[in-house]
Amino acid sequence: MQKSTPGHESLLLGVTASRPLVSLGSGKQQAQVVVSGLTPTLVSDINGDIKIGDKITVSPLEGIGMKAMQSVETVGTAESSLSSSQTTTQTVTDKNGKSVQVKVGLVSVQVDVAYYQASQSKLSGFVPSFLVNVGSSIAGKDISPLRVLVGFCSLLLGFVIAGVTLQAGVRAGIISLGRNPLASGILRRSLLDVLATSLGLLAITAMAFYLILTS
């Protein structure tokens, strides 16, 4: 089944049938198109294993569908699972340039071209969209608002702890220097230790933030 989305080139999805409802073209250029009904369809597990009831949309692989994970135009609903069908494995390159293996097989799909509205998380209205976009850009993939919220909260907490630690160290150093001006060398080293501790906390926080978004 061929479908187009505004601003994008037409994508061909491998929907096959022994008795198609519509034939386009003529001779060797003829294409058999299914516009409704139950028919075997080539799909992949790019967006995860396909189960009964999943909405099917086009994938980056030409002629192969995948499970719809976000609001998008779909070609129908899966009536069988990919895990119960015979599959083959293909190696593809993702948008980050990494080689990944995907399974491809035939599942029964109830063809019904429509716009699928993905269920929205309760946190979607609470977490600002620009934070979700920033988190997705850092992770290199779409991530849930919950993960974005946890990641940015941990980052903020780390900065607060590091700032409080640095402020406490500087304040204690100033007070000690006022009481004993001769201990300036020792106080300087203490301040350097506090600064190093604060930077270490920031580094750990940044690493935890990245792992939360990408794991």
Protein backbone atom coordinates (compact mmCIF):
# COMPACT_ATOMS: atom_id res chain seq x y z
CA MET A 1 0.00 0.00 0.00
CA GLN A 2 1.35 3.36 -0.95
CA LYS A 3 0.75 6.36 1.27
CA SER A 4 2.06 9.90 1.38
CA THR A 5 2.53 12.36 4.19
CA PRO A 6 2.68 16.12 3.70
CA GLY A 7 6.19 17.32 3.00
CA HIS A 8 7.56 13.82 2.54
CA GLU A 9 8.09 11.55 -0.44
CA SER A 10 5.69 8.67 -0.95
CA LEU A 11 6.60 5.54 0.97
CA LEU A 12 5.74 2.05 -0.22
CA LEU A 13 4.52 -0.46 2.35
CA GLY A 14 4.47 -4.13 1.40
CA VAL A 15 0.78 -5.03 1.74
CA THR A 16 0.06 -8.12 -0.34
CA ALA A 17 -3.08 -10.02 -1.23
CA SER A 18 -4.08 -12.76 -3.65
CA ARG A 19 -7.27 -10.84 -4.50
CA PRO A 20 -6.51 -7.11 -4.32
CA LEU A 21 -9.32 -4.62 -4.47
CA VAL A 22 -7.58 -2.12 -6.75
CA SER A 23 -5.03 -2.52 -9.57
CA LEU A 24 -3.03 0.51 -10.63
CA GLY A 25 -1.07 0.79 -13.89
CA SER A 26 -0.87 -1.76 -16.64
CA GLY A 27 1.32 -4.63 -17.76
CA LYS A 28 4.61 -5.03 -15.87
CA GLN A 29 4.07 -1.65 -14.23
CA GLN A 30 0.85 -2.78 -12.60
CA ALA A 31 0.65 -2.53 -8.80
CA GLN A 32 -1.85 -4.43 -6.68
CA VAL A 33 -3.24 -2.21 -3.92
CA VAL A 34 -5.26 -3.29 -0.90
CA VAL A 35 -7.53 -0.56 0.44
CA SER A 36 -9.43 -2.54 3.07
CA GLY A 37 -9.79 -6.01 4.55
CA LEU A 38 -7.45 -8.49 6.22
CA THR A 39 -4.19 -9.17 4.39
CA PRO A 40 -0.59 -10.35 5.10
CA THR A 41 1.80 -7.44 5.49
CA LEU A 42 5.59 -7.21 5.72
CA VAL A 43 6.61 -5.66 9.05
CA SER A 44 9.72 -5.25 11.20
CA ASP A 45 10.50 -4.92 14.91
CA ILE A 46 12.26 -1.55 14.52
CA ASN A 47 9.86 -0.07 17.08
CA GLY A 48 9.63 -3.28 19.10
CA ASP A 49 7.81 -6.58 18.73
CA ILE A 50 4.44 -6.32 17.01
CA LYS A 51 1.48 -7.78 18.89
CA ILE A 52 -2.21 -8.13 18.12
CA GLY A 53 -3.88 -4.73 18.25
CA ASP A 54 -0.77 -2.67 17.43
CA LYS A 55 -1.16 0.05 14.81
CA ILE A 56 1.08 -0.41 11.75
CA THR A 57 2.78 2.45 9.94
CA VAL A 58 5.61 2.78 7.42
CA SER A 59 9.20 2.22 8.56
CA PRO A 60 12.58 3.51 7.33
CA LEU A 61 12.87 0.22 5.39
CA GLU A 62 11.24 0.56 1.98
CA GLY A 63 8.21 -1.66 1.61
CA ILE A 64 8.20 -2.76 5.27
CA GLY A 65 6.00 -1.54 8.12
CA MET A 66 6.55 -1.17 11.86
CA LYS A 67 4.58 -0.54 15.04
CA ALA A 68 3.35 3.04 15.47
CA MET A 69 4.76 4.53 18.67
CA GLN A 70 3.62 8.11 18.22
CA SER A 71 0.80 10.01 16.55
CA VAL A 72 1.13 9.23 12.85
CA GLU A 73 -0.82 8.03 9.82
CA THR A 74 -1.23 4.24 9.89
CA VAL A 75 -2.26 1.61 7.34
CA GLY A 76 -4.12 -0.69 9.71
CA THR A 77 -4.15 -2.85 12.83
CA ALA A 78 -2.14 -6.03 13.44
CA GLU A 79 -4.32 -9.12 13.82
CA SER A 80 -1.39 -11.48 14.54
CA SER A 81 1.96 -11.11 16.32
CA LEU A 82 5.37 -10.97 14.70
CA SER A 83 6.81 -13.41 17.25
CA SER A 84 4.43 -16.13 16.04
CA SER A 85 5.42 -15.78 12.38
CA GLN A 86 8.51 -16.88 10.48
CA THR A 87 11.03 -14.03 10.35
CA THR A 88 14.33 -13.15 8.73
CA THR A 89 17.04 -10.90 10.16
CA GLN A 90 18.37 -7.86 8.32
CA THR A 91 21.17 -5.49 9.25
CA VAL A 92 20.36 -1.80 8.84
CA THR A 93 22.07 1.46 9.75
CA ASP A 94 20.26 3.78 12.18
CA LYS A 95 20.35 7.59 12.11
CA ASN A 96 23.42 7.56 14.36
CA GLY A 97 25.37 5.47 11.86
CA LYS A 98 25.28 2.29 13.98
CA SER A 99 24.49 -1.11 12.48
CA VAL A 100 21.50 -2.79 14.12
CA GLN A 101 19.69 -6.04 13.37
CA VAL A 102 15.93 -6.10 12.85
CA LYS A 103 13.51 -8.96 12.32
CA VAL A 104 11.22 -8.90 9.29
CA GLY A 105 8.18 -11.11 8.79
CA LEU A 106 4.56 -11.31 7.68
CA VAL A 107 1.64 -10.53 10.00
CA SER A 108 -2.06 -10.25 9.26
CA VAL A 109 -3.17 -6.62 9.16
CA GLN A 110 -6.70 -5.26 9.03
CA VAL A 111 -6.15 -2.52 6.45
CA ASP A 112 -7.75 0.79 7.36
CA VAL A 113 -5.75 3.89 6.56
CA ALA A 114 -6.29 6.42 9.34
CA TYR A 115 -4.49 8.87 11.60
CA TYR A 116 -3.44 7.23 14.85
CA GLN A 117 -3.48 9.43 17.95
CA ALA A 118 -0.99 7.98 20.44
CA SER A 119 -2.03 7.98 24.08
CA GLN A 120 -0.50 10.89 25.92
CA SER A 121 1.26 10.48 29.24
CA LYS A 122 -0.21 12.41 32.17
CA LEU A 123 3.19 14.08 32.47
CA SER A 124 3.04 15.40 28.90
CA GLY A 125 1.12 18.47 30.02
CA PHE A 126 3.40 18.98 33.03
CA VAL A 127 6.81 18.66 31.38
CA PRO A 128 7.54 21.57 28.98
CA SER A 129 7.84 20.42 25.38
CA PHE A 130 11.19 22.17 24.93
CA LEU A 131 12.66 20.04 27.75
CA VAL A 132 11.39 16.90 26.01
CA ASN A 133 12.96 18.11 22.75
CA VAL A 134 16.28 18.87 24.47
CA GLY A 135 16.29 15.47 26.18
CA SER A 136 15.46 13.69 22.92
CA SER A 137 18.26 15.58 21.13
CA ILE A 138 20.77 14.55 23.80
CA ALA A 139 19.60 10.93 23.80
CA GLY A 140 19.42 10.76 20.00
CA LYS A 141 15.94 9.22 20.18
CA ASP A 142 12.42 9.96 21.38
CA ILE A 143 12.13 9.57 25.15
CA SER A 144 9.21 9.72 27.54
CA PRO A 145 8.34 12.84 29.56
CA LEU A 146 8.89 10.84 32.76
CA ARG A 147 12.49 10.07 31.85
CA VAL A 148 13.06 13.71 30.90
CA LEU A 149 11.62 14.85 34.22
CA VAL A 150 13.77 12.44 36.24
CA GLY A 151 16.88 13.37 34.26
CA PHE A 152 16.52 17.12 34.62
CA CYS A 153 15.53 16.84 38.30
CA SER A 154 18.69 14.82 38.99
CA LEU A 155 20.74 17.38 37.07
CA LEU A 156 19.23 20.27 39.03
CA LEU A 157 19.75 18.43 42.32
CA GLY A 158 23.40 17.82 41.47
CA PHE A 159 23.99 21.50 40.68
CA VAL A 160 22.29 22.54 43.94
CA ILE A 161 24.42 20.14 46.02
CA ALA A 162 27.62 21.23 44.28
CA GLY A 163 26.72 24.91 44.73
CA VAL A 164 25.88 24.49 48.42
CA THR A 165 29.11 22.55 49.01
CA LEU A 166 31.19 25.22 47.29
CA GLN A 167 29.44 28.06 49.11
CA ALA A 168 29.86 26.36 52.49
CA GLY A 169 33.55 25.77 51.82
CA VAL A 170 34.18 29.39 50.78
CA ARG A 171 32.24 30.76 53.76
CA ALA A 172 34.11 28.53 56.21
CA GLY A 173 37.42 29.58 54.64
CA ILE A 174 36.64 33.29 54.95
CA ILE A 175 35.62 32.89 58.59
CA SER A 176 38.76 30.86 59.41
CA LEU A 177 40.99 33.36 57.61
CA GLY A 178 39.51 36.18 59.67
CA ARG A 179 40.28 34.32 62.87
CA ASN A 180 43.78 33.21 61.86
CA PRO A 181 45.39 35.19 59.00
CA LEU A 182 48.56 33.05 59.24
CA ALA A 183 46.68 29.94 58.06
CA SER A 184 46.09 31.30 54.57
CA GLY A 185 48.12 28.53 52.88
CA ILE A 186 46.15 25.76 54.56
CA LEU A 187 42.87 27.51 53.83
CA ARG A 188 43.81 27.88 50.17
CA ARG A 189 44.42 24.15 49.88
CA SER A 190 41.13 23.47 51.64
CA LEU A 191 39.29 25.68 49.17
CA LEU A 192 40.94 23.86 46.28
CA ASP A 193 39.75 20.56 47.78
CA VAL A 194 36.22 21.92 48.07
CA LEU A 195 36.34 23.15 44.47
CA ALA A 196 37.58 19.77 43.26
CA THR A 197 34.78 18.04 45.20
CA SER A 198 32.17 20.34 43.65
CA LEU A 199 33.49 19.73 40.14
CA GLY A 200 33.48 15.99 40.82
CA LEU A 201 29.84 16.16 41.90
CA LEU A 202 28.97 18.06 38.73
CA ALA A 203 30.75 15.47 36.58
CA ILE A 204 28.93 12.59 38.30
CA THR A 205 25.63 14.44 37.96
CA ALA A 206 26.17 15.05 34.25
CA MET A 207 27.04 11.38 33.70
CA ALA A 208 23.96 10.22 35.64
CA PHE A 209 21.81 12.65 33.62
CA TYR A 210 23.12 11.24 30.33
CA LEU A 211 22.64 7.63 31.44
CA ILE A 212 19.06 8.33 32.55
CA LEU A 213 18.22 9.73 29.11
CA THR A 214 20.00 7.10 27.03
CA SER A 215 19.51 3.87 28.98
